[in-house]
Amino acid sequence: MKKIIMGIILFVQIIFLIPVIFTKGFQTKVTSVEVEPTVNEVSQEEKVEEYNYGEYQTLKLLHTKTGEVEEVKLDEYLCHVVSAEMPVDFEMEALKAQAVVARTYTMFKITSQGKKHENADICDDSSCCQAWISKEDRLARWEENVRQDNWKKIEQVVNDTKGKLITYEGKPINAFFHSNSGGKTEIPVNVWGGSYPYLQAVETSRRRRI
């Protein structure tokens, strides 16, 4: 009887050992390979690509209150213009449109109207050229906890539109802009007496802010 029991136990052990014996030779050795990080994966400080505006890379800005003429990069100047012309809490696309219009208007003033100011390309007076505000004054008007984020947003919309202009027949247009059209724009001849084929009266949507 003992021999029969021992035989059964041995048989069961053989049954469990057979898969191990036959599969051992087919096991695959897994090794870990360390992949070197690519250039894009390496943490780097973000850099903004410079756009070459040729001879208009910089402009001479007249500060009307002091009479001082400051030489500034075009897109740096536009950050001060956009922040003066449009509330920073407007949508990004609206701010980008403002940046493009401001850049176009600046280039038109410089290239098409000659030297309006003796020693400068443009001034900081909105009644003469285009609105402008210093970074210090702009930051002072915002709540302290949002100042840096707001200024970064302004810089982003200007950088995202680098080099973009509105042109007609290959030249920058006289890009007038306003804060409210009242539902319909007006043709320039009825306002200033000039005629521009690219500026026509159109209906605009009005959206009241709550």
N, C-alpha and C. Protein backbone atom coordinates (compact mmCIF):
# COMPACT_ATOMS: atom_id res chain seq x y z
N MET A 1 0.83 -1.19 0.00
CA MET A 1 0.00 0.00 0.00
C MET A 1 0.87 1.26 0.00
N LYS A 2 1.93 1.24 0.83
CA LYS A 2 2.84 2.38 0.90
C LYS A 2 3.51 2.62 -0.44
N LYS A 3 3.82 1.52 -1.14
CA LYS A 3 4.49 1.66 -2.43
C LYS A 3 3.56 2.34 -3.44
N ILE A 4 2.27 2.02 -3.34
CA ILE A 4 1.31 2.62 -4.27
C ILE A 4 1.19 4.13 -4.02
N ILE A 5 1.12 4.53 -2.72
CA ILE A 5 1.02 5.95 -2.37
C ILE A 5 2.25 6.72 -2.81
N MET A 6 3.42 6.14 -2.57
CA MET A 6 4.67 6.78 -2.96
C MET A 6 4.75 6.94 -4.48
N GLY A 7 4.22 5.95 -5.20
CA GLY A 7 4.22 6.00 -6.65
C GLY A 7 3.33 7.14 -7.17
N ILE A 8 2.18 7.31 -6.50
CA ILE A 8 1.26 8.38 -6.91
C ILE A 8 1.89 9.75 -6.68
N ILE A 9 2.53 9.92 -5.52
CA ILE A 9 3.18 11.20 -5.19
C ILE A 9 4.28 11.52 -6.20
N LEU A 10 5.10 10.49 -6.55
CA LEU A 10 6.18 10.69 -7.51
C LEU A 10 5.62 11.07 -8.88
N PHE A 11 4.50 10.44 -9.27
CA PHE A 11 3.88 10.72 -10.56
C PHE A 11 3.39 12.17 -10.64
N VAL A 12 2.77 12.62 -9.53
CA VAL A 12 2.28 13.99 -9.49
C VAL A 12 3.42 14.99 -9.60
N GLN A 13 4.54 14.71 -8.90
CA GLN A 13 5.70 15.62 -8.95
C GLN A 13 6.27 15.71 -10.36
N ILE A 14 6.29 14.57 -11.06
CA ILE A 14 6.82 14.55 -12.43
C ILE A 14 5.96 15.40 -13.35
N ILE A 15 4.62 15.30 -13.15
CA ILE A 15 3.70 16.07 -13.98
C ILE A 15 3.95 17.58 -13.84
N PHE A 16 4.19 18.05 -12.60
CA PHE A 16 4.45 19.48 -12.37
C PHE A 16 5.83 19.93 -12.83
N LEU A 17 6.80 19.02 -12.88
CA LEU A 17 8.17 19.37 -13.26
C LEU A 17 8.35 19.42 -14.77
N ILE A 18 7.54 18.66 -15.51
CA ILE A 18 7.71 18.59 -16.97
C ILE A 18 7.62 19.96 -17.64
N PRO A 19 6.60 20.84 -17.34
CA PRO A 19 6.55 22.17 -17.99
C PRO A 19 7.75 23.04 -17.68
N VAL A 20 8.23 22.93 -16.46
CA VAL A 20 9.40 23.74 -16.07
C VAL A 20 10.62 23.32 -16.85
N ILE A 21 10.80 22.01 -17.02
CA ILE A 21 11.97 21.50 -17.73
C ILE A 21 11.96 21.92 -19.19
N PHE A 22 10.78 21.84 -19.83
CA PHE A 22 10.69 22.10 -21.26
C PHE A 22 10.62 23.59 -21.62
N THR A 23 10.21 24.43 -20.70
CA THR A 23 10.11 25.86 -21.00
C THR A 23 11.33 26.65 -20.57
N LYS A 24 12.18 26.05 -19.74
CA LYS A 24 13.35 26.77 -19.23
C LYS A 24 14.26 27.23 -20.36
N GLY A 25 14.37 26.38 -21.39
CA GLY A 25 15.27 26.70 -22.50
C GLY A 25 14.74 27.79 -23.40
N PHE A 26 13.46 28.16 -23.25
CA PHE A 26 12.85 29.15 -24.13
C PHE A 26 12.63 30.50 -23.45
N GLN A 27 13.14 30.65 -22.22
CA GLN A 27 12.98 31.91 -21.52
C GLN A 27 13.83 33.00 -22.19
N THR A 28 13.27 34.21 -22.32
CA THR A 28 13.98 35.33 -22.94
C THR A 28 14.55 36.23 -21.86
N LYS A 29 15.79 36.56 -21.99
CA LYS A 29 16.43 37.44 -21.02
C LYS A 29 16.08 38.89 -21.35
N VAL A 30 15.51 39.64 -20.38
CA VAL A 30 15.11 41.02 -20.58
C VAL A 30 16.16 41.93 -19.97
N THR A 31 16.64 42.87 -20.76
CA THR A 31 17.63 43.82 -20.27
C THR A 31 17.08 45.23 -20.43
N SER A 32 17.42 46.12 -19.55
CA SER A 32 16.97 47.51 -19.64
C SER A 32 18.02 48.33 -20.37
N VAL A 33 17.58 49.16 -21.29
CA VAL A 33 18.47 50.01 -22.06
C VAL A 33 18.20 51.45 -21.68
N GLU A 34 19.20 52.14 -21.25
CA GLU A 34 19.06 53.55 -20.89
C GLU A 34 19.19 54.39 -22.13
N VAL A 35 18.17 55.15 -22.45
CA VAL A 35 18.17 55.99 -23.65
C VAL A 35 18.65 57.38 -23.29
N GLU A 36 19.63 57.88 -24.03
CA GLU A 36 20.12 59.22 -23.79
C GLU A 36 19.06 60.23 -24.21
N PRO A 37 18.81 61.27 -23.43
CA PRO A 37 17.80 62.27 -23.80
C PRO A 37 18.20 63.03 -25.04
N THR A 38 17.23 63.34 -25.89
CA THR A 38 17.50 64.14 -27.07
C THR A 38 17.59 65.61 -26.68
N VAL A 39 17.97 66.45 -27.63
CA VAL A 39 18.11 67.88 -27.36
C VAL A 39 16.78 68.46 -26.92
N ASN A 40 15.67 68.00 -27.56
CA ASN A 40 14.36 68.53 -27.25
C ASN A 40 13.88 68.14 -25.86
N GLU A 41 14.41 67.02 -25.34
CA GLU A 41 13.99 66.55 -24.03
C GLU A 41 14.76 67.21 -22.90
N VAL A 42 15.86 67.85 -23.25
CA VAL A 42 16.67 68.49 -22.23
C VAL A 42 16.01 69.80 -21.83
N SER A 43 15.90 69.99 -20.53
CA SER A 43 15.25 71.22 -20.04
C SER A 43 16.13 72.41 -20.37
N GLN A 44 15.59 73.33 -21.15
CA GLN A 44 16.33 74.53 -21.54
C GLN A 44 15.45 75.75 -21.34
N GLU A 45 16.09 76.89 -21.17
CA GLU A 45 15.36 78.14 -21.07
C GLU A 45 14.75 78.47 -22.43
N GLU A 46 13.46 78.77 -22.46
CA GLU A 46 12.78 79.05 -23.72
C GLU A 46 13.33 80.34 -24.33
N LYS A 47 13.61 80.26 -25.61
CA LYS A 47 14.16 81.42 -26.31
C LYS A 47 13.19 81.87 -27.39
N VAL A 48 13.02 83.17 -27.53
CA VAL A 48 12.14 83.74 -28.55
C VAL A 48 12.98 84.09 -29.77
N GLU A 49 12.58 83.56 -30.90
CA GLU A 49 13.34 83.82 -32.13
C GLU A 49 13.23 85.28 -32.54
N GLU A 50 14.35 85.86 -32.90
CA GLU A 50 14.36 87.25 -33.34
C GLU A 50 13.90 87.31 -34.80
N TYR A 51 13.09 88.31 -35.11
CA TYR A 51 12.65 88.50 -36.49
C TYR A 51 13.41 89.68 -37.08
N ASN A 52 13.90 89.50 -38.28
CA ASN A 52 14.71 90.53 -38.91
C ASN A 52 13.82 91.49 -39.70
N TYR A 53 13.64 92.71 -39.19
CA TYR A 53 12.86 93.72 -39.88
C TYR A 53 13.74 94.60 -40.76
N GLY A 54 14.95 94.15 -40.99
CA GLY A 54 15.85 94.92 -41.83
C GLY A 54 16.22 96.25 -41.20
N GLU A 55 16.10 97.31 -41.97
CA GLU A 55 16.48 98.63 -41.47
C GLU A 55 15.51 99.14 -40.40
N TYR A 56 14.38 98.45 -40.23
CA TYR A 56 13.40 98.88 -39.23
C TYR A 56 13.41 97.99 -37.99
N GLN A 57 14.54 97.34 -37.78
CA GLN A 57 14.69 96.47 -36.60
C GLN A 57 14.49 97.28 -35.32
N THR A 58 14.93 98.52 -35.33
CA THR A 58 14.74 99.43 -34.20
C THR A 58 14.11 100.73 -34.70
N LEU A 59 13.49 101.45 -33.80
CA LEU A 59 12.91 102.74 -34.16
C LEU A 59 13.24 103.77 -33.09
N LYS A 60 13.13 105.02 -33.47
CA LYS A 60 13.38 106.11 -32.53
C LYS A 60 12.05 106.64 -32.02
N LEU A 61 11.84 106.50 -30.71
CA LEU A 61 10.57 106.87 -30.08
C LEU A 61 10.73 108.19 -29.33
N LEU A 62 9.87 109.13 -29.66
CA LEU A 62 9.89 110.43 -28.98
C LEU A 62 8.93 110.40 -27.79
N HIS A 63 9.45 110.66 -26.59
CA HIS A 63 8.62 110.81 -25.41
C HIS A 63 8.23 112.29 -25.32
N THR A 64 6.96 112.57 -25.60
CA THR A 64 6.52 113.95 -25.77
C THR A 64 6.61 114.79 -24.49
N LYS A 65 6.47 114.16 -23.34
CA LYS A 65 6.50 114.92 -22.09
C LYS A 65 7.90 115.41 -21.74
N THR A 66 8.89 114.63 -22.10
CA THR A 66 10.27 114.98 -21.75
C THR A 66 11.09 115.47 -22.94
N GLY A 67 10.62 115.16 -24.15
CA GLY A 67 11.39 115.52 -25.34
C GLY A 67 12.51 114.53 -25.62
N GLU A 68 12.63 113.50 -24.80
CA GLU A 68 13.69 112.51 -24.96
C GLU A 68 13.36 111.58 -26.13
N VAL A 69 14.37 111.22 -26.90
CA VAL A 69 14.22 110.26 -28.00
C VAL A 69 14.93 108.97 -27.59
N GLU A 70 14.16 107.89 -27.57
CA GLU A 70 14.69 106.58 -27.14
C GLU A 70 14.71 105.63 -28.33
N GLU A 71 15.79 104.91 -28.51
CA GLU A 71 15.90 103.91 -29.57
C GLU A 71 15.49 102.55 -29.00
N VAL A 72 14.45 101.95 -29.56
CA VAL A 72 13.92 100.69 -29.04
C VAL A 72 13.68 99.71 -30.18
N LYS A 73 13.70 98.41 -29.86
CA LYS A 73 13.37 97.39 -30.84
C LYS A 73 11.87 97.48 -31.15
N LEU A 74 11.53 97.20 -32.39
CA LEU A 74 10.15 97.36 -32.84
C LEU A 74 9.17 96.56 -31.99
N ASP A 75 9.43 95.26 -31.78
CA ASP A 75 8.49 94.43 -31.03
C ASP A 75 8.46 94.79 -29.55
N GLU A 76 9.57 95.25 -29.02
CA GLU A 76 9.57 95.72 -27.62
C GLU A 76 8.67 96.95 -27.49
N TYR A 77 8.77 97.84 -28.47
CA TYR A 77 7.90 99.02 -28.50
C TYR A 77 6.43 98.62 -28.54
N LEU A 78 6.12 97.58 -29.32
CA LEU A 78 4.73 97.15 -29.48
C LEU A 78 4.13 96.59 -28.19
N CYS A 79 4.94 96.01 -27.33
CA CYS A 79 4.44 95.53 -26.03
C CYS A 79 3.84 96.70 -25.24
N HIS A 80 4.50 97.83 -25.30
CA HIS A 80 4.02 99.02 -24.59
C HIS A 80 2.77 99.60 -25.25
N VAL A 81 2.70 99.46 -26.58
CA VAL A 81 1.53 99.96 -27.31
C VAL A 81 0.30 99.10 -27.03
N VAL A 82 0.46 97.79 -27.17
CA VAL A 82 -0.67 96.87 -26.97
C VAL A 82 -1.21 96.99 -25.55
N SER A 83 -0.31 97.07 -24.58
CA SER A 83 -0.76 97.17 -23.18
C SER A 83 -1.45 98.50 -22.89
N ALA A 84 -1.20 99.50 -23.73
CA ALA A 84 -1.86 100.80 -23.56
C ALA A 84 -3.19 100.85 -24.31
N GLU A 85 -3.31 100.08 -25.39
CA GLU A 85 -4.47 100.16 -26.26
C GLU A 85 -5.60 99.20 -25.91
N MET A 86 -5.27 98.06 -25.29
CA MET A 86 -6.31 97.04 -25.07
C MET A 86 -6.16 96.41 -23.68
N PRO A 87 -7.28 96.19 -22.97
CA PRO A 87 -7.20 95.54 -21.65
C PRO A 87 -6.58 94.15 -21.76
N VAL A 88 -5.72 93.82 -20.83
CA VAL A 88 -4.98 92.56 -20.88
C VAL A 88 -5.88 91.35 -20.68
N ASP A 89 -7.07 91.54 -20.10
CA ASP A 89 -7.95 90.40 -19.87
C ASP A 89 -8.79 90.06 -21.10
N PHE A 90 -8.58 90.75 -22.22
CA PHE A 90 -9.24 90.38 -23.46
C PHE A 90 -8.67 89.04 -23.95
N GLU A 91 -9.41 88.37 -24.83
CA GLU A 91 -8.97 87.09 -25.36
C GLU A 91 -7.64 87.23 -26.10
N MET A 92 -6.87 86.13 -26.11
CA MET A 92 -5.56 86.13 -26.75
C MET A 92 -5.64 86.53 -28.22
N GLU A 93 -6.64 86.00 -28.94
CA GLU A 93 -6.73 86.30 -30.36
C GLU A 93 -7.04 87.77 -30.61
N ALA A 94 -7.81 88.38 -29.72
CA ALA A 94 -8.09 89.81 -29.84
C ALA A 94 -6.82 90.62 -29.63
N LEU A 95 -6.03 90.22 -28.64
CA LEU A 95 -4.77 90.91 -28.36
C LEU A 95 -3.78 90.71 -29.50
N LYS A 96 -3.78 89.52 -30.10
CA LYS A 96 -2.90 89.27 -31.26
C LYS A 96 -3.29 90.16 -32.43
N ALA A 97 -4.60 90.29 -32.65
CA ALA A 97 -5.07 91.16 -33.73
C ALA A 97 -4.63 92.59 -33.48
N GLN A 98 -4.69 93.02 -32.22
CA GLN A 98 -4.26 94.37 -31.88
C GLN A 98 -2.76 94.54 -32.13
N ALA A 99 -1.98 93.50 -31.82
CA ALA A 99 -0.54 93.56 -32.06
C ALA A 99 -0.23 93.69 -33.55
N VAL A 100 -0.95 92.95 -34.38
CA VAL A 100 -0.73 93.02 -35.83
C VAL A 100 -1.10 94.40 -36.37
N VAL A 101 -2.24 94.93 -35.92
CA VAL A 101 -2.67 96.25 -36.36
C VAL A 101 -1.69 97.33 -35.91
N ALA A 102 -1.23 97.23 -34.66
CA ALA A 102 -0.28 98.21 -34.13
C ALA A 102 1.05 98.15 -34.88
N ARG A 103 1.50 96.94 -35.20
CA ARG A 103 2.76 96.80 -35.96
C ARG A 103 2.58 97.40 -37.36
N THR A 104 1.45 97.12 -37.99
CA THR A 104 1.18 97.63 -39.33
C THR A 104 1.12 99.16 -39.32
N TYR A 105 0.41 99.70 -38.34
CA TYR A 105 0.28 101.16 -38.24
C TYR A 105 1.65 101.80 -38.02
N THR A 106 2.47 101.17 -37.19
CA THR A 106 3.82 101.68 -36.93
C THR A 106 4.65 101.71 -38.21
N MET A 107 4.63 100.61 -38.96
CA MET A 107 5.42 100.53 -40.18
C MET A 107 4.89 101.51 -41.23
N PHE A 108 3.58 101.72 -41.27
CA PHE A 108 3.02 102.70 -42.21
C PHE A 108 3.51 104.11 -41.87
N LYS A 109 3.47 104.43 -40.57
CA LYS A 109 3.91 105.76 -40.14
C LYS A 109 5.38 106.00 -40.50
N ILE A 110 6.19 104.97 -40.35
CA ILE A 110 7.63 105.11 -40.59
C ILE A 110 7.95 105.18 -42.08
N THR A 111 7.28 104.31 -42.87
CA THR A 111 7.65 104.17 -44.28
C THR A 111 6.88 105.06 -45.24
N SER A 112 5.68 105.53 -44.85
CA SER A 112 4.83 106.22 -45.81
C SER A 112 4.63 107.70 -45.53
N GLN A 113 4.91 108.13 -44.33
CA GLN A 113 4.60 109.53 -43.99
C GLN A 113 5.83 110.39 -43.73
N GLY A 114 6.99 109.84 -44.07
CA GLY A 114 8.20 110.63 -43.89
C GLY A 114 8.47 110.96 -42.44
N LYS A 115 9.30 111.93 -42.20
CA LYS A 115 9.68 112.32 -40.85
C LYS A 115 8.69 113.33 -40.27
N LYS A 116 7.71 112.82 -39.53
CA LYS A 116 6.76 113.72 -38.87
C LYS A 116 7.42 114.42 -37.70
N HIS A 117 8.36 113.72 -37.07
CA HIS A 117 9.14 114.28 -35.97
C HIS A 117 10.60 114.39 -36.43
N GLU A 118 11.22 115.48 -36.12
CA GLU A 118 12.55 115.78 -36.65
C GLU A 118 13.57 114.71 -36.34
N ASN A 119 13.63 114.27 -35.10
CA ASN A 119 14.67 113.31 -34.71
C ASN A 119 14.12 111.95 -34.31
N ALA A 120 12.85 111.69 -34.62
CA ALA A 120 12.24 110.42 -34.20
C ALA A 120 11.34 109.87 -35.30
N ASP A 121 11.08 108.54 -35.21
CA ASP A 121 10.21 107.88 -36.17
C ASP A 121 8.75 107.97 -35.76
N ILE A 122 8.50 108.00 -34.46
CA ILE A 122 7.14 107.97 -33.95
C ILE A 122 7.15 108.50 -32.51
N CYS A 123 5.98 108.95 -32.02
CA CYS A 123 5.93 109.46 -30.65
C CYS A 123 4.96 108.66 -29.80
N ASP A 124 4.91 108.97 -28.51
CA ASP A 124 4.07 108.21 -27.58
C ASP A 124 2.73 108.88 -27.30
N ASP A 125 2.35 109.86 -28.12
CA ASP A 125 1.09 110.57 -27.94
C ASP A 125 0.03 109.99 -28.87
N SER A 126 -1.06 109.46 -28.30
CA SER A 126 -2.10 108.81 -29.10
C SER A 126 -2.81 109.78 -30.03
N SER A 127 -2.85 111.05 -29.68
CA SER A 127 -3.52 112.03 -30.54
C SER A 127 -2.67 112.39 -31.75
N CYS A 128 -1.41 112.01 -31.72
CA CYS A 128 -0.50 112.30 -32.82
C CYS A 128 -0.10 111.03 -33.57
N CYS A 129 0.35 110.04 -32.82
CA CYS A 129 0.80 108.79 -33.44
C CYS A 129 0.05 107.58 -32.88
N GLN A 130 0.49 107.09 -31.73
CA GLN A 130 -0.07 105.86 -31.18
C GLN A 130 0.14 105.83 -29.68
N ALA A 131 -0.84 105.29 -28.96
CA ALA A 131 -0.73 105.23 -27.50
C ALA A 131 0.46 104.38 -27.07
N TRP A 132 1.07 104.74 -25.97
CA TRP A 132 2.25 104.04 -25.45
C TRP A 132 2.26 104.25 -23.94
N ILE A 133 2.67 103.23 -23.19
CA ILE A 133 2.80 103.36 -21.74
C ILE A 133 4.05 102.62 -21.31
N SER A 134 4.76 103.17 -20.34
CA SER A 134 5.97 102.50 -19.86
C SER A 134 5.59 101.23 -19.09
N LYS A 135 6.51 100.31 -19.02
CA LYS A 135 6.25 99.07 -18.30
C LYS A 135 5.98 99.34 -16.83
N GLU A 136 6.74 100.25 -16.26
CA GLU A 136 6.57 100.58 -14.84
C GLU A 136 5.17 101.13 -14.55
N ASP A 137 4.71 102.04 -15.38
CA ASP A 137 3.37 102.61 -15.19
C ASP A 137 2.28 101.57 -15.42
N ARG A 138 2.51 100.71 -16.42
CA ARG A 138 1.52 99.68 -16.72
C ARG A 138 1.40 98.70 -15.55
N LEU A 139 2.53 98.24 -15.02
CA LEU A 139 2.51 97.30 -13.90
C LEU A 139 1.86 97.91 -12.66
N ALA A 140 2.10 99.19 -12.46
CA ALA A 140 1.56 99.86 -11.28
C ALA A 140 0.04 99.91 -11.30
N ARG A 141 -0.57 99.83 -12.47
CA ARG A 141 -2.03 99.90 -12.59
C ARG A 141 -2.70 98.54 -12.45
N TRP A 142 -1.91 97.48 -12.42
CA TRP A 142 -2.46 96.14 -12.23
C TRP A 142 -2.28 95.71 -10.78
N GLU A 143 -3.13 94.78 -10.34
CA GLU A 143 -2.97 94.20 -9.02
C GLU A 143 -1.61 93.50 -8.94
N GLU A 144 -0.97 93.59 -7.79
CA GLU A 144 0.40 93.08 -7.65
C GLU A 144 0.51 91.59 -7.99
N ASN A 145 -0.50 90.81 -7.63
CA ASN A 145 -0.40 89.36 -7.82
C ASN A 145 -0.56 88.92 -9.28
N VAL A 146 -0.94 89.84 -10.18
CA VAL A 146 -1.10 89.45 -11.59
C VAL A 146 -0.17 90.24 -12.52
N ARG A 147 0.64 91.09 -11.97
CA ARG A 147 1.47 91.97 -12.80
C ARG A 147 2.38 91.21 -13.75
N GLN A 148 3.16 90.28 -13.24
CA GLN A 148 4.12 89.57 -14.07
C GLN A 148 3.42 88.69 -15.11
N ASP A 149 2.35 88.02 -14.72
CA ASP A 149 1.61 87.17 -15.66
C ASP A 149 0.98 88.01 -16.76
N ASN A 150 0.46 89.17 -16.40
CA ASN A 150 -0.14 90.04 -17.40
C ASN A 150 0.88 90.53 -18.42
N TRP A 151 2.06 90.91 -17.92
CA TRP A 151 3.08 91.40 -18.85
C TRP A 151 3.59 90.28 -19.75
N LYS A 152 3.69 89.06 -19.20
CA LYS A 152 4.10 87.92 -20.02
C LYS A 152 3.07 87.64 -21.11
N LYS A 153 1.80 87.85 -20.81
CA LYS A 153 0.75 87.65 -21.80
C LYS A 153 0.90 88.66 -22.94
N ILE A 154 1.20 89.91 -22.59
CA ILE A 154 1.42 90.94 -23.61
C ILE A 154 2.62 90.57 -24.48
N GLU A 155 3.70 90.16 -23.86
CA GLU A 155 4.90 89.77 -24.61
C GLU A 155 4.59 88.59 -25.53
N GLN A 156 3.79 87.65 -25.04
CA GLN A 156 3.47 86.47 -25.85
C GLN A 156 2.71 86.82 -27.11
N VAL A 157 1.71 87.71 -27.00
CA VAL A 157 0.91 88.04 -28.19
C VAL A 157 1.76 88.78 -29.22
N VAL A 158 2.70 89.59 -28.76
CA VAL A 158 3.59 90.29 -29.69
C VAL A 158 4.56 89.29 -30.33
N ASN A 159 5.12 88.40 -29.52
CA ASN A 159 6.06 87.41 -30.05
C ASN A 159 5.37 86.42 -30.99
N ASP A 160 4.12 86.05 -30.67
CA ASP A 160 3.40 85.10 -31.51
C ASP A 160 3.03 85.68 -32.87
N THR A 161 3.07 87.00 -33.00
CA THR A 161 2.72 87.64 -34.27
C THR A 161 3.93 88.30 -34.93
N LYS A 162 5.12 87.92 -34.53
CA LYS A 162 6.34 88.54 -35.08
C LYS A 162 6.31 88.58 -36.60
N GLY A 163 6.62 89.73 -37.15
CA GLY A 163 6.74 89.86 -38.60
C GLY A 163 5.43 89.99 -39.34
N LYS A 164 4.31 89.87 -38.66
CA LYS A 164 3.00 89.91 -39.34
C LYS A 164 2.52 91.35 -39.53
N LEU A 165 2.16 91.65 -40.76
CA LEU A 165 1.66 92.97 -41.13
C LEU A 165 0.43 92.82 -42.01
N ILE A 166 -0.39 93.86 -42.07
CA ILE A 166 -1.49 93.92 -43.03
C ILE A 166 -1.04 94.79 -44.18
N THR A 167 -1.05 94.26 -45.40
CA THR A 167 -0.52 95.00 -46.54
C THR A 167 -1.56 95.12 -47.65
N TYR A 168 -1.36 96.13 -48.49
CA TYR A 168 -2.18 96.33 -49.69
C TYR A 168 -1.21 96.68 -50.81
N GLU A 169 -1.23 95.86 -51.86
CA GLU A 169 -0.29 96.02 -52.98
C GLU A 169 1.15 96.00 -52.48
N GLY A 170 1.39 95.14 -51.50
CA GLY A 170 2.75 94.91 -51.01
C GLY A 170 3.26 95.92 -50.00
N LYS A 171 2.42 96.86 -49.59
CA LYS A 171 2.85 97.90 -48.65
C LYS A 171 1.96 97.89 -47.40
N PRO A 172 2.50 98.27 -46.23
CA PRO A 172 1.68 98.34 -45.01
C PRO A 172 0.53 99.31 -45.19
N ILE A 173 -0.66 98.93 -44.74
CA ILE A 173 -1.81 99.82 -44.85
C ILE A 173 -1.81 100.83 -43.70
N ASN A 174 -2.60 101.87 -43.86
CA ASN A 174 -2.81 102.82 -42.76
C ASN A 174 -3.87 102.20 -41.85
N ALA A 175 -3.41 101.44 -40.87
CA ALA A 175 -4.29 100.58 -40.07
C ALA A 175 -4.93 101.35 -38.92
N PHE A 176 -5.95 102.13 -39.23
CA PHE A 176 -6.70 102.82 -38.18
C PHE A 176 -7.38 101.77 -37.30
N PHE A 177 -7.51 102.08 -36.04
CA PHE A 177 -8.29 101.18 -35.18
C PHE A 177 -8.96 102.00 -34.09
N HIS A 178 -10.02 101.42 -33.52
CA HIS A 178 -10.83 102.14 -32.53
C HIS A 178 -11.35 101.14 -31.52
N SER A 179 -11.84 101.64 -30.40
CA SER A 179 -12.30 100.74 -29.33
C SER A 179 -13.73 100.27 -29.54
N ASN A 180 -14.55 101.06 -30.26
CA ASN A 180 -15.94 100.71 -30.44
C ASN A 180 -16.45 101.31 -31.75
N SER A 181 -17.05 100.47 -32.59
CA SER A 181 -17.53 100.95 -33.89
C SER A 181 -18.99 101.35 -33.85
N GLY A 182 -19.68 101.06 -32.77
CA GLY A 182 -21.10 101.36 -32.70
C GLY A 182 -21.95 100.48 -33.60
N GLY A 183 -21.39 99.36 -34.05
CA GLY A 183 -22.14 98.44 -34.89
C GLY A 183 -21.80 98.53 -36.37
N LYS A 184 -21.14 99.63 -36.78
CA LYS A 184 -20.77 99.78 -38.19
C LYS A 184 -19.59 100.73 -38.30
N THR A 185 -18.63 100.37 -39.13
CA THR A 185 -17.47 101.25 -39.32
C THR A 185 -17.81 102.35 -40.33
N GLU A 186 -16.94 103.34 -40.43
CA GLU A 186 -17.15 104.47 -41.33
C GLU A 186 -16.01 104.53 -42.34
N ILE A 187 -16.28 104.98 -43.53
CA ILE A 187 -15.22 105.13 -44.52
C ILE A 187 -14.39 106.37 -44.15
N PRO A 188 -13.06 106.30 -44.33
CA PRO A 188 -12.17 107.40 -43.91
C PRO A 188 -12.50 108.76 -44.49
N VAL A 189 -13.02 108.79 -45.72
CA VAL A 189 -13.28 110.07 -46.36
C VAL A 189 -14.31 110.88 -45.59
N ASN A 190 -15.19 110.20 -44.85
CA ASN A 190 -16.20 110.90 -44.05
C ASN A 190 -15.67 111.36 -42.70
N VAL A 191 -14.44 110.94 -42.38
CA VAL A 191 -13.86 111.30 -41.09
C VAL A 191 -12.68 112.24 -41.27
N TRP A 192 -11.71 111.83 -42.09
CA TRP A 192 -10.50 112.62 -42.27
C TRP A 192 -10.38 113.24 -43.66
N GLY A 193 -11.22 112.81 -44.58
CA GLY A 193 -11.14 113.35 -45.93
C GLY A 193 -10.27 112.55 -46.87
N GLY A 194 -9.56 111.51 -46.34
CA GLY A 194 -8.72 110.69 -47.20
C GLY A 194 -9.49 109.49 -47.72
N SER A 195 -9.00 108.90 -48.79
CA SER A 195 -9.66 107.73 -49.39
C SER A 195 -8.69 106.56 -49.43
N TYR A 196 -9.10 105.44 -48.85
CA TYR A 196 -8.28 104.23 -48.83
C TYR A 196 -9.14 103.07 -49.35
N PRO A 197 -8.79 102.47 -50.47
CA PRO A 197 -9.61 101.39 -51.05
C PRO A 197 -9.74 100.17 -50.15
N TYR A 198 -8.78 99.98 -49.25
CA TYR A 198 -8.82 98.80 -48.38
C TYR A 198 -9.62 99.04 -47.10
N LEU A 199 -10.09 100.26 -46.89
CA LEU A 199 -10.91 100.56 -45.70
C LEU A 199 -12.31 100.95 -46.15
N GLN A 200 -13.25 100.03 -45.96
CA GLN A 200 -14.63 100.24 -46.36
C GLN A 200 -15.55 100.07 -45.17
N ALA A 201 -16.73 100.67 -45.24
CA ALA A 201 -17.70 100.56 -44.15
C ALA A 201 -18.26 99.14 -44.10
N VAL A 202 -18.24 98.54 -42.93
CA VAL A 202 -18.80 97.20 -42.74
C VAL A 202 -19.54 97.16 -41.42
N GLU A 203 -20.51 96.28 -41.33
CA GLU A 203 -21.21 96.07 -40.07
C GLU A 203 -20.36 95.19 -39.18
N THR A 204 -20.39 95.46 -37.89
CA THR A 204 -19.60 94.68 -36.94
C THR A 204 -20.51 94.18 -35.84
N SER A 205 -20.16 93.04 -35.28
CA SER A 205 -20.95 92.50 -34.18
C SER A 205 -20.63 93.24 -32.91
N ARG A 206 -21.62 93.47 -32.11
CA ARG A 206 -21.43 94.15 -30.84
C ARG A 206 -21.70 93.17 -29.71
N ARG A 207 -20.81 93.14 -28.76
CA ARG A 207 -20.93 92.20 -27.66
C ARG A 207 -20.75 92.95 -26.35
N ARG A 208 -21.80 93.02 -25.57
CA ARG A 208 -21.73 93.77 -24.33
C ARG A 208 -21.07 92.91 -23.25
N ARG A 209 -20.09 93.49 -22.59
CA ARG A 209 -19.39 92.79 -21.50
C ARG A 209 -20.16 92.96 -20.20
N ILE A 210 -20.32 91.88 -19.46
CA ILE A 210 -21.06 91.91 -18.19
C ILE A 210 -20.07 91.88 -17.02
